[in-house]
Amino acid sequence: MKLAVYGEFLHLPDRKFYKFDEIRKEIENETEREVRGSKGISSKPINLKIYSPHVVDLTLIDLPGLTKVPVGDQPPDIELQIKKMILSYIRKDNCLILAVTAANQGLDL
């Protein structure tokens, strides 16, 4: 018997997503609903559960990337807002940090 692989969002409890392109699109849609067309950020999480016999029980949190210069209608203190949000997650004792950066960009450490 083959078990189904699917995703469920907390904000859509009665809907199952069987295609990962649909999951990606729903993440984009929920982000758009939350920030309402702005380039701002939201500290409200989008909760997605993936059900599969092929994955471990793990919580991943995709945080916004660091930025120094506001773009579009982002608030002038966007850098501080993002740092505050990131620190609220990575200060936890059970946190493992996976930092992803483009291979064609330098790291400013």
PDB file of N, CA and C in Angstrom:
ATOM      1  N   MET A   1       0.844  -1.191   0.000  1.00  0.00           N
ATOM      2  CA  MET A   1       0.000   0.000   0.000  1.00  0.00           C
ATOM      3  C   MET A   1       0.884   1.247   0.000  1.00  0.00           C
ATOM      4  N   LYS A   2       0.666   2.140  -0.936  1.00  0.00           N
ATOM      5  CA  LYS A   2       1.434   3.367  -1.039  1.00  0.00           C
ATOM      6  C   LYS A   2       0.727   4.478  -0.259  1.00  0.00           C
ATOM      7  N   LEU A   3       1.465   5.115   0.640  1.00  0.00           N
ATOM      8  CA  LEU A   3       0.904   6.203   1.434  1.00  0.00           C
ATOM      9  C   LEU A   3       0.980   7.506   0.663  1.00  0.00           C
ATOM     10  N   ALA A   4      -0.054   8.324   0.781  1.00  0.00           N
ATOM     11  CA  ALA A   4      -0.093   9.604   0.082  1.00  0.00           C
ATOM     12  C   ALA A   4       0.881  10.589   0.716  1.00  0.00           C
ATOM     13  N   VAL A   5       1.484  11.398  -0.120  1.00  0.00           N
ATOM     14  CA  VAL A   5       2.347  12.495   0.311  1.00  0.00           C
ATOM     15  C   VAL A   5       1.579  13.776   0.025  1.00  0.00           C
ATOM     16  N   TYR A   6       1.382  14.581   1.060  1.00  0.00           N
ATOM     17  CA  TYR A   6       0.623  15.811   0.875  1.00  0.00           C
ATOM     18  C   TYR A   6       1.001  16.830   1.935  1.00  0.00           C
ATOM     19  N   GLY A   7       0.530  18.053   1.738  1.00  0.00           N
ATOM     20  CA  GLY A   7       0.754  19.125   2.692  1.00  0.00           C
ATOM     21  C   GLY A   7      -0.561  19.728   3.142  1.00  0.00           C
ATOM     22  N   GLU A   8      -0.579  20.232   4.364  1.00  0.00           N
ATOM     23  CA  GLU A   8      -1.739  20.941   4.899  1.00  0.00           C
ATOM     24  C   GLU A   8      -1.271  22.226   5.567  1.00  0.00           C
ATOM     25  N   PHE A   9      -2.007  23.291   5.333  1.00  0.00           N
ATOM     26  CA  PHE A   9      -1.735  24.570   5.974  1.00  0.00           C
ATOM     27  C   PHE A   9      -2.673  24.757   7.152  1.00  0.00           C
ATOM     28  N   LEU A  10      -2.174  25.357   8.220  1.00  0.00           N
ATOM     29  CA  LEU A  10      -2.999  25.620   9.393  1.00  0.00           C
ATOM     30  C   LEU A  10      -4.151  26.563   9.040  1.00  0.00           C
ATOM     31  N   HIS A  11      -3.915  27.507   8.129  1.00  0.00           N
ATOM     32  CA  HIS A  11      -4.965  28.463   7.771  1.00  0.00           C
ATOM     33  C   HIS A  11      -5.988  27.876   6.786  1.00  0.00           C
ATOM     34  N   LEU A  12      -5.742  26.667   6.267  1.00  0.00           N
ATOM     35  CA  LEU A  12      -6.688  25.962   5.389  1.00  0.00           C
ATOM     36  C   LEU A  12      -6.825  24.513   5.863  1.00  0.00           C
ATOM     37  N   PRO A  13      -7.402  24.302   7.041  1.00  0.00           N
ATOM     38  CA  PRO A  13      -7.367  22.975   7.666  1.00  0.00           C
ATOM     39  C   PRO A  13      -8.113  21.875   6.907  1.00  0.00           C
ATOM     40  N   ASP A  14      -9.035  22.223   6.042  1.00  0.00           N
ATOM     41  CA  ASP A  14      -9.820  21.200   5.347  1.00  0.00           C
ATOM     42  C   ASP A  14      -9.329  20.920   3.931  1.00  0.00           C
ATOM     43  N   ARG A  15      -8.146  21.439   3.592  1.00  0.00           N
ATOM     44  CA  ARG A  15      -7.640  21.265   2.226  1.00  0.00           C
ATOM     45  C   ARG A  15      -6.276  20.584   2.246  1.00  0.00           C
ATOM     46  N   LYS A  16      -6.116  19.594   1.392  1.00  0.00           N
ATOM     47  CA  LYS A  16      -4.839  18.901   1.242  1.00  0.00           C
ATOM     48  C   LYS A  16      -4.226  19.282  -0.092  1.00  0.00           C
ATOM     49  N   PHE A  17      -2.918  19.531  -0.083  1.00  0.00           N
ATOM     50  CA  PHE A  17      -2.180  19.896  -1.286  1.00  0.00           C
ATOM     51  C   PHE A  17      -1.296  18.718  -1.670  1.00  0.00           C
ATOM     52  N   TYR A  18      -1.527  18.155  -2.839  1.00  0.00           N
ATOM     53  CA  TYR A  18      -0.776  16.987  -3.279  1.00  0.00           C
ATOM     54  C   TYR A  18       0.359  17.349  -4.242  1.00  0.00           C
ATOM     55  N   LYS A  19       0.350  18.571  -4.754  1.00  0.00           N
ATOM     56  CA  LYS A  19       1.395  19.019  -5.683  1.00  0.00           C
ATOM     57  C   LYS A  19       2.192  20.132  -5.017  1.00  0.00           C
ATOM     58  N   PHE A  20       3.506  20.012  -5.053  1.00  0.00           N
ATOM     59  CA  PHE A  20       4.333  21.000  -4.370  1.00  0.00           C
ATOM     60  C   PHE A  20       4.319  22.359  -5.066  1.00  0.00           C
ATOM     61  N   ASP A  21       3.987  22.395  -6.352  1.00  0.00           N
ATOM     62  CA  ASP A  21       3.804  23.688  -7.010  1.00  0.00           C
ATOM     63  C   ASP A  21       2.614  24.432  -6.408  1.00  0.00           C
ATOM     64  N   GLU A  22       1.565  23.683  -6.034  1.00  0.00           N
ATOM     65  CA  GLU A  22       0.403  24.288  -5.390  1.00  0.00           C
ATOM     66  C   GLU A  22       0.752  24.780  -3.980  1.00  0.00           C
ATOM     67  N   ILE A  23       1.605  24.044  -3.287  1.00  0.00           N
ATOM     68  CA  ILE A  23       2.055  24.468  -1.955  1.00  0.00           C
ATOM     69  C   ILE A  23       2.840  25.767  -2.068  1.00  0.00           C
ATOM     70  N   ARG A  24       3.774  25.814  -3.025  1.00  0.00           N
ATOM     71  CA  ARG A  24       4.569  27.035  -3.237  1.00  0.00           C
ATOM     72  C   ARG A  24       3.657  28.214  -3.542  1.00  0.00           C
ATOM     73  N   LYS A  25       2.664  27.998  -4.413  1.00  0.00           N
ATOM     74  CA  LYS A  25       1.746  29.075  -4.790  1.00  0.00           C
ATOM     75  C   LYS A  25       0.926  29.540  -3.590  1.00  0.00           C
ATOM     76  N   GLU A  26       0.488  28.602  -2.733  1.00  0.00           N
ATOM     77  CA  GLU A  26      -0.281  28.993  -1.547  1.00  0.00           C
ATOM     78  C   GLU A  26       0.580  29.792  -0.575  1.00  0.00           C
ATOM     79  N   ILE A  27       1.853  29.450  -0.449  1.00  0.00           N
ATOM     80  CA  ILE A  27       2.761  30.242   0.396  1.00  0.00           C
ATOM     81  C   ILE A  27       2.860  31.662  -0.148  1.00  0.00           C
ATOM     82  N   GLU A  28       3.014  31.787  -1.457  1.00  0.00           N
ATOM     83  CA  GLU A  28       3.071  33.118  -2.082  1.00  0.00           C
ATOM     84  C   GLU A  28       1.764  33.876  -1.860  1.00  0.00           C
ATOM     85  N   ASN A  29       0.623  33.191  -2.044  1.00  0.00           N
ATOM     86  CA  ASN A  29      -0.680  33.841  -1.860  1.00  0.00           C
ATOM     87  C   ASN A  29      -0.894  34.302  -0.422  1.00  0.00           C
ATOM     88  N   GLU A  30      -0.550  33.448   0.547  1.00  0.00           N
ATOM     89  CA  GLU A  30      -0.740  33.816   1.956  1.00  0.00           C
ATOM     90  C   GLU A  30       0.190  34.965   2.338  1.00  0.00           C
ATOM     91  N   THR A  31       1.394  34.951   1.819  1.00  0.00           N
ATOM     92  CA  THR A  31       2.322  36.068   2.071  1.00  0.00           C
ATOM     93  C   THR A  31       1.743  37.360   1.516  1.00  0.00           C
ATOM     94  N   GLU A  32       1.234  37.300   0.304  1.00  0.00           N
ATOM     95  CA  GLU A  32       0.624  38.474  -0.324  1.00  0.00           C
ATOM     96  C   GLU A  32      -0.575  38.972   0.488  1.00  0.00           C
ATOM     97  N   ARG A  33      -1.407  38.041   0.968  1.00  0.00           N
ATOM     98  CA  ARG A  33      -2.563  38.448   1.791  1.00  0.00           C
ATOM     99  C   ARG A  33      -2.103  39.133   3.075  1.00  0.00           C
ATOM    100  N   GLU A  34      -1.015  38.673   3.630  1.00  0.00           N
ATOM    101  CA  GLU A  34      -0.541  39.215   4.903  1.00  0.00           C
ATOM    102  C   GLU A  34       0.123  40.577   4.749  1.00  0.00           C
ATOM    103  N   VAL A  35       0.949  40.760   3.722  1.00  0.00           N
ATOM    104  CA  VAL A  35       1.674  42.029   3.560  1.00  0.00           C
ATOM    105  C   VAL A  35       0.958  42.979   2.606  1.00  0.00           C
ATOM    106  N   ARG A  36      -0.119  42.505   2.001  1.00  0.00           N
ATOM    107  CA  ARG A  36      -1.008  43.327   1.158  1.00  0.00           C
ATOM    108  C   ARG A  36      -0.262  44.104   0.075  1.00  0.00           C
ATOM    109  N   GLY A  37       0.527  43.411  -0.698  1.00  0.00           N
ATOM    110  CA  GLY A  37       1.165  44.037  -1.853  1.00  0.00           C
ATOM    111  C   GLY A  37       2.383  44.883  -1.548  1.00  0.00           C
ATOM    112  N   SER A  38       2.731  44.994  -0.280  1.00  0.00           N
ATOM    113  CA  SER A  38       3.902  45.798   0.045  1.00  0.00           C
ATOM    114  C   SER A  38       5.156  44.933  -0.003  1.00  0.00           C
ATOM    115  N   LYS A  39       6.285  45.551   0.134  1.00  0.00           N
ATOM    116  CA  LYS A  39       7.553  44.823   0.213  1.00  0.00           C
ATOM    117  C   LYS A  39       7.930  44.569   1.663  1.00  0.00           C
ATOM    118  N   GLY A  40       6.974  44.792   2.566  1.00  0.00           N
ATOM    119  CA  GLY A  40       7.221  44.616   3.989  1.00  0.00           C
ATOM    120  C   GLY A  40       7.304  43.154   4.378  1.00  0.00           C
ATOM    121  N   ILE A  41       7.492  42.926   5.652  1.00  0.00           N
ATOM    122  CA  ILE A  41       7.580  41.573   6.187  1.00  0.00           C
ATOM    123  C   ILE A  41       6.468  41.383   7.207  1.00  0.00           C
ATOM    124  N   SER A  42       6.208  40.139   7.531  1.00  0.00           N
ATOM    125  CA  SER A  42       5.215  39.825   8.542  1.00  0.00           C
ATOM    126  C   SER A  42       5.821  38.809   9.501  1.00  0.00           C
ATOM    127  N   SER A  43       5.590  39.007  10.775  1.00  0.00           N
ATOM    128  CA  SER A  43       6.077  38.040  11.762  1.00  0.00           C
ATOM    129  C   SER A  43       5.072  36.901  11.963  1.00  0.00           C
ATOM    130  N   LYS A  44       3.934  36.961  11.281  1.00  0.00           N
ATOM    131  CA  LYS A  44       2.932  35.896  11.382  1.00  0.00           C
ATOM    132  C   LYS A  44       3.435  34.684  10.590  1.00  0.00           C
ATOM    133  N   PRO A  45       3.579  33.545  11.248  1.00  0.00           N
ATOM    134  CA  PRO A  45       4.081  32.363  10.536  1.00  0.00           C
ATOM    135  C   PRO A  45       3.033  31.761   9.606  1.00  0.00           C
ATOM    136  N   ILE A  46       3.515  31.125   8.560  1.00  0.00           N
ATOM    137  CA  ILE A  46       2.677  30.300   7.689  1.00  0.00           C
ATOM    138  C   ILE A  46       3.014  28.869   8.060  1.00  0.00           C
ATOM    139  N   ASN A  47       2.068  28.175   8.664  1.00  0.00           N
ATOM    140  CA  ASN A  47       2.304  26.815   9.148  1.00  0.00           C
ATOM    141  C   ASN A  47       1.902  25.803   8.093  1.00  0.00           C
ATOM    142  N   LEU A  48       2.856  24.980   7.691  1.00  0.00           N
ATOM    143  CA  LEU A  48       2.653  23.941   6.696  1.00  0.00           C
ATOM    144  C   LEU A  48       3.151  22.629   7.264  1.00  0.00           C
ATOM    145  N   LYS A  49       2.309  21.604   7.208  1.00  0.00           N
ATOM    146  CA  LYS A  49       2.721  20.262   7.623  1.00  0.00           C
ATOM    147  C   LYS A  49       2.812  19.403   6.371  1.00  0.00           C
ATOM    148  N   ILE A  50       3.928  18.697   6.238  1.00  0.00           N
ATOM    149  CA  ILE A  50       4.119  17.760   5.140  1.00  0.00           C
ATOM    150  C   ILE A  50       3.943  16.358   5.703  1.00  0.00           C
ATOM    151  N   TYR A  51       3.061  15.600   5.103  1.00  0.00           N
ATOM    152  CA  TYR A  51       2.820  14.221   5.515  1.00  0.00           C
ATOM    153  C   TYR A  51       3.445  13.295   4.479  1.00  0.00           C
ATOM    154  N   SER A  52       4.386  12.484   4.941  1.00  0.00           N
ATOM    155  CA  SER A  52       5.072  11.564   4.045  1.00  0.00           C
ATOM    156  C   SER A  52       5.805  10.516   4.874  1.00  0.00           C
ATOM    157  N   PRO A  53       5.852   9.293   4.394  1.00  0.00           N
ATOM    158  CA  PRO A  53       6.646   8.282   5.092  1.00  0.00           C
ATOM    159  C   PRO A  53       8.146   8.464   4.847  1.00  0.00           C
ATOM    160  N   HIS A  54       8.495   9.447   4.023  1.00  0.00           N
ATOM    161  CA  HIS A  54       9.886   9.643   3.621  1.00  0.00           C
ATOM    162  C   HIS A  54      10.564  10.843   4.279  1.00  0.00           C
ATOM    163  N   VAL A  55       9.912  11.483   5.240  1.00  0.00           N
ATOM    164  CA  VAL A  55      10.503  12.652   5.890  1.00  0.00           C
ATOM    165  C   VAL A  55      10.541  12.450   7.401  1.00  0.00           C
ATOM    166  N   VAL A  56      11.504  13.102   8.053  1.00  0.00           N
ATOM    167  CA  VAL A  56      11.605  13.036   9.507  1.00  0.00           C
ATOM    168  C   VAL A  56      10.712  14.112  10.127  1.00  0.00           C
ATOM    169  N   ASP A  57      10.421  13.961  11.405  1.00  0.00           N
ATOM    170  CA  ASP A  57       9.624  14.935  12.138  1.00  0.00           C
ATOM    171  C   ASP A  57      10.536  16.111  12.482  1.00  0.00           C
ATOM    172  N   LEU A  58      10.333  17.216  11.798  1.00  0.00           N
ATOM    173  CA  LEU A  58      11.227  18.363  11.913  1.00  0.00           C
ATOM    174  C   LEU A  58      10.442  19.634  11.629  1.00  0.00           C
ATOM    175  N   THR A  59      10.747  20.698  12.343  1.00  0.00           N
ATOM    176  CA  THR A  59      10.140  21.999  12.080  1.00  0.00           C
ATOM    177  C   THR A  59      11.165  22.883  11.395  1.00  0.00           C
ATOM    178  N   LEU A  60      10.813  23.377  10.221  1.00  0.00           N
ATOM    179  CA  LEU A  60      11.668  24.316   9.489  1.00  0.00           C
ATOM    180  C   LEU A  60      11.002  25.676   9.498  1.00  0.00           C
ATOM    181  N   ILE A  61      11.779  26.709   9.734  1.00  0.00           N
ATOM    182  CA  ILE A  61      11.252  28.071   9.728  1.00  0.00           C
ATOM    183  C   ILE A  61      12.064  28.865   8.725  1.00  0.00           C
ATOM    184  N   ASP A  62      11.402  29.306   7.664  1.00  0.00           N
ATOM    185  CA  ASP A  62      12.045  30.102   6.622  1.00  0.00           C
ATOM    186  C   ASP A  62      11.891  31.572   6.994  1.00  0.00           C
ATOM    187  N   LEU A  63      12.987  32.182   7.378  1.00  0.00           N
ATOM    188  CA  LEU A  63      12.968  33.583   7.794  1.00  0.00           C
ATOM    189  C   LEU A  63      13.406  34.477   6.640  1.00  0.00           C
ATOM    190  N   PRO A  64      13.031  35.751   6.694  1.00  0.00           N
ATOM    191  CA  PRO A  64      13.451  36.652   5.612  1.00  0.00           C
ATOM    192  C   PRO A  64      14.961  36.860   5.635  1.00  0.00           C
ATOM    193  N   GLY A  65      15.508  37.135   4.491  1.00  0.00           N
ATOM    194  CA  GLY A  65      16.931  37.431   4.403  1.00  0.00           C
ATOM    195  C   GLY A  65      17.229  38.807   4.960  1.00  0.00           C
ATOM    196  N   LEU A  66      18.460  38.975   5.402  1.00  0.00           N
ATOM    197  CA  LEU A  66      18.881  40.271   5.928  1.00  0.00           C
ATOM    198  C   LEU A  66      18.993  41.288   4.799  1.00  0.00           C
ATOM    199  N   THR A  67      18.599  42.493   5.088  1.00  0.00           N
ATOM    200  CA  THR A  67      18.710  43.577   4.122  1.00  0.00           C
ATOM    201  C   THR A  67      19.120  44.834   4.872  1.00  0.00           C
ATOM    202  N   LYS A  68      19.816  45.703   4.199  1.00  0.00           N
ATOM    203  CA  LYS A  68      20.245  46.947   4.838  1.00  0.00           C
ATOM    204  C   LYS A  68      19.518  48.157   4.261  1.00  0.00           C
ATOM    205  N   VAL A  69      19.110  48.061   3.012  1.00  0.00           N
ATOM    206  CA  VAL A  69      18.501  49.195   2.330  1.00  0.00           C
ATOM    207  C   VAL A  69      17.039  48.877   2.011  1.00  0.00           C
ATOM    208  N   PRO A  70      16.108  49.699   2.528  1.00  0.00           N
ATOM    209  CA  PRO A  70      14.697  49.472   2.228  1.00  0.00           C
ATOM    210  C   PRO A  70      14.425  49.620   0.729  1.00  0.00           C
ATOM    211  N   VAL A  71      13.560  48.769   0.199  1.00  0.00           N
ATOM    212  CA  VAL A  71      13.148  48.883  -1.198  1.00  0.00           C
ATOM    213  C   VAL A  71      11.648  49.072  -1.255  1.00  0.00           C
ATOM    214  N   GLY A  72      11.207  49.772  -2.289  1.00  0.00           N
ATOM    215  CA  GLY A  72       9.770  50.006  -2.447  1.00  0.00           C
ATOM    216  C   GLY A  72       9.183  50.698  -1.239  1.00  0.00           C
ATOM    217  N   ASP A  73       8.113  50.122  -0.720  1.00  0.00           N
ATOM    218  CA  ASP A  73       7.423  50.738   0.415  1.00  0.00           C
ATOM    219  C   ASP A  73       7.813  50.118   1.750  1.00  0.00           C
ATOM    220  N   GLN A  74       8.990  49.483   1.807  1.00  0.00           N
ATOM    221  CA  GLN A  74       9.451  48.937   3.088  1.00  0.00           C
ATOM    222  C   GLN A  74       9.726  50.083   4.058  1.00  0.00           C
ATOM    223  N   PRO A  75       9.482  49.843   5.345  1.00  0.00           N
ATOM    224  CA  PRO A  75       9.738  50.892   6.337  1.00  0.00           C
ATOM    225  C   PRO A  75      11.242  51.177   6.445  1.00  0.00           C
ATOM    226  N   PRO A  76      11.602  52.369   6.853  1.00  0.00           N
ATOM    227  CA  PRO A  76      13.019  52.732   6.963  1.00  0.00           C
ATOM    228  C   PRO A  76      13.807  51.843   7.927  1.00  0.00           C
ATOM    229  N   ASP A  77      13.115  51.252   8.900  1.00  0.00           N
ATOM    230  CA  ASP A  77      13.796  50.402   9.878  1.00  0.00           C
ATOM    231  C   ASP A  77      13.676  48.915   9.541  1.00  0.00           C
ATOM    232  N   ILE A  78      13.545  48.578   8.257  1.00  0.00           N
ATOM    233  CA  ILE A  78      13.358  47.185   7.849  1.00  0.00           C
ATOM    234  C   ILE A  78      14.501  46.299   8.338  1.00  0.00           C
ATOM    235  N   GLU A  79      15.718  46.801   8.321  1.00  0.00           N
ATOM    236  CA  GLU A  79      16.864  46.010   8.789  1.00  0.00           C
ATOM    237  C   GLU A  79      16.671  45.610  10.251  1.00  0.00           C
ATOM    238  N   LEU A  80      16.287  46.547  11.092  1.00  0.00           N
ATOM    239  CA  LEU A  80      16.065  46.280  12.510  1.00  0.00           C
ATOM    240  C   LEU A  80      14.898  45.308  12.714  1.00  0.00           C
ATOM    241  N   GLN A  81      13.818  45.477  11.963  1.00  0.00           N
ATOM    242  CA  GLN A  81      12.667  44.579  12.078  1.00  0.00           C
ATOM    243  C   GLN A  81      13.058  43.142  11.749  1.00  0.00           C
ATOM    244  N   ILE A  82      13.819  42.962  10.673  1.00  0.00           N
ATOM    245  CA  ILE A  82      14.225  41.617  10.272  1.00  0.00           C
ATOM    246  C   ILE A  82      15.172  41.009  11.303  1.00  0.00           C
ATOM    247  N   LYS A  83      16.145  41.777  11.767  1.00  0.00           N
ATOM    248  CA  LYS A  83      17.070  41.261  12.785  1.00  0.00           C
ATOM    249  C   LYS A  83      16.327  40.836  14.040  1.00  0.00           C
ATOM    250  N   LYS A  84      15.376  41.646  14.472  1.00  0.00           N
ATOM    251  CA  LYS A  84      14.593  41.328  15.671  1.00  0.00           C
ATOM    252  C   LYS A  84      13.816  40.026  15.474  1.00  0.00           C
ATOM    253  N   MET A  85      13.196  39.868  14.297  1.00  0.00           N
ATOM    254  CA  MET A  85      12.438  38.652  14.020  1.00  0.00           C
ATOM    255  C   MET A  85      13.357  37.432  14.002  1.00  0.00           C
ATOM    256  N   ILE A  86      14.474  37.531  13.320  1.00  0.00           N
ATOM    257  CA  ILE A  86      15.415  36.413  13.222  1.00  0.00           C
ATOM    258  C   ILE A  86      15.931  36.022  14.601  1.00  0.00           C
ATOM    259  N   LEU A  87      16.327  36.998  15.397  1.00  0.00           N
ATOM    260  CA  LEU A  87      16.860  36.706  16.732  1.00  0.00           C
ATOM    261  C   LEU A  87      15.819  36.047  17.629  1.00  0.00           C
ATOM    262  N   SER A  88      14.538  36.381  17.438  1.00  0.00           N
ATOM    263  CA  SER A  88      13.508  35.761  18.274  1.00  0.00           C
ATOM    264  C   SER A  88      13.441  34.252  18.040  1.00  0.00           C
ATOM    265  N   TYR A  89      13.867  33.788  16.872  1.00  0.00           N
ATOM    266  CA  TYR A  89      13.872  32.354  16.586  1.00  0.00           C
ATOM    267  C   TYR A  89      15.220  31.707  16.900  1.00  0.00           C
ATOM    268  N   ILE A  90      16.302  32.324  16.499  1.00  0.00           N
ATOM    269  CA  ILE A  90      17.599  31.639  16.589  1.00  0.00           C
ATOM    270  C   ILE A  90      18.201  31.658  17.990  1.00  0.00           C
ATOM    271  N   ARG A  91      17.624  32.402  18.903  1.00  0.00           N
ATOM    272  CA  ARG A  91      18.106  32.390  20.288  1.00  0.00           C
ATOM    273  C   ARG A  91      17.621  31.172  21.073  1.00  0.00           C
ATOM    274  N   LYS A  92      16.705  30.420  20.499  1.00  0.00           N
ATOM    275  CA  LYS A  92      16.149  29.257  21.199  1.00  0.00           C
ATOM    276  C   LYS A  92      17.196  28.153  21.279  1.00  0.00           C
ATOM    277  N   ASP A  93      17.232  27.465  22.428  1.00  0.00           N
ATOM    278  CA  ASP A  93      18.231  26.422  22.676  1.00  0.00           C
ATOM    279  C   ASP A  93      18.164  25.263  21.692  1.00  0.00           C
ATOM    280  N   ASN A  94      16.987  24.951  21.200  1.00  0.00           N
ATOM    281  CA  ASN A  94      16.845  23.795  20.314  1.00  0.00           C
ATOM    282  C   ASN A  94      16.898  24.177  18.828  1.00  0.00           C
ATOM    283  N   CYS A  95      17.479  25.309  18.536  1.00  0.00           N
ATOM    284  CA  CYS A  95      17.526  25.817  17.172  1.00  0.00           C
ATOM    285  C   CYS A  95      18.830  25.411  16.480  1.00  0.00           C
ATOM    286  N   LEU A  96      18.698  24.912  15.288  1.00  0.00           N
ATOM    287  CA  LEU A  96      19.832  24.633  14.414  1.00  0.00           C
ATOM    288  C   LEU A  96      19.720  25.605  13.249  1.00  0.00           C
ATOM    289  N   ILE A  97      20.731  26.406  13.032  1.00  0.00           N
ATOM    290  CA  ILE A  97      20.668  27.459  12.027  1.00  0.00           C
ATOM    291  C   ILE A  97      21.249  26.956  10.709  1.00  0.00           C
ATOM    292  N   LEU A  98      20.471  27.065   9.672  1.00  0.00           N
ATOM    293  CA  LEU A  98      20.914  26.753   8.322  1.00  0.00           C
ATOM    294  C   LEU A  98      20.846  28.052   7.538  1.00  0.00           C
ATOM    295  N   ALA A  99      21.987  28.636   7.259  1.00  0.00           N
ATOM    296  CA  ALA A  99      22.040  29.896   6.525  1.00  0.00           C
ATOM    297  C   ALA A  99      22.300  29.586   5.058  1.00  0.00           C
ATOM    298  N   VAL A 100      21.456  30.104   4.199  1.00  0.00           N
ATOM    299  CA  VAL A 100      21.568  29.862   2.764  1.00  0.00           C
ATOM    300  C   VAL A 100      21.908  31.179   2.076  1.00  0.00           C
ATOM    301  N   THR A 101      22.876  31.139   1.198  1.00  0.00           N
ATOM    302  CA  THR A 101      23.251  32.328   0.442  1.00  0.00           C
ATOM    303  C   THR A 101      23.547  31.916  -0.993  1.00  0.00           C
ATOM    304  N   ALA A 102      23.382  32.821  -1.907  1.00  0.00           N
ATOM    305  CA  ALA A 102      23.676  32.536  -3.309  1.00  0.00           C
ATOM    306  C   ALA A 102      25.173  32.305  -3.475  1.00  0.00           C
ATOM    307  N   ALA A 103      25.525  31.345  -4.280  1.00  0.00           N
ATOM    308  CA  ALA A 103      26.940  31.003  -4.468  1.00  0.00           C
ATOM    309  C   ALA A 103      27.697  32.088  -5.216  1.00  0.00           C
ATOM    310  N   ASN A 104      26.993  32.957  -5.895  1.00  0.00           N
ATOM    311  CA  ASN A 104      27.668  34.004  -6.663  1.00  0.00           C
ATOM    312  C   ASN A 104      27.780  35.314  -5.905  1.00  0.00           C
ATOM    313  N   GLN A 105      27.484  35.302  -4.600  1.00  0.00           N
ATOM    314  CA  GLN A 105      27.573  36.505  -3.788  1.00  0.00           C
ATOM    315  C   GLN A 105      28.555  36.287  -2.644  1.00  0.00           C
ATOM    316  N   GLY A 106      29.265  37.336  -2.278  1.00  0.00           N
ATOM    317  CA  GLY A 106      30.192  37.255  -1.165  1.00  0.00           C
ATOM    318  C   GLY A 106      29.465  37.325   0.160  1.00  0.00           C
ATOM    319  N   LEU A 107      30.112  36.834   1.190  1.00  0.00           N
ATOM    320  CA  LEU A 107      29.553  36.902   2.543  1.00  0.00           C
ATOM    321  C   LEU A 107      30.162  38.072   3.290  1.00  0.00           C
ATOM    322  N   ASP A 108      29.333  38.917   3.867  1.00  0.00           N
ATOM    323  CA  ASP A 108      29.808  40.013   4.714  1.00  0.00           C
ATOM    324  C   ASP A 108      29.658  39.572   6.154  1.00  0.00           C
ATOM    325  N   LEU A 109      30.699  39.014   6.705  1.00  0.00           N
ATOM    326  CA  LEU A 109      30.605  38.510   8.072  1.00  0.00           C
ATOM    327  C   LEU A 109      31.088  39.504   9.070  1.00  0.00           C
TER     328      LEU A 109
END
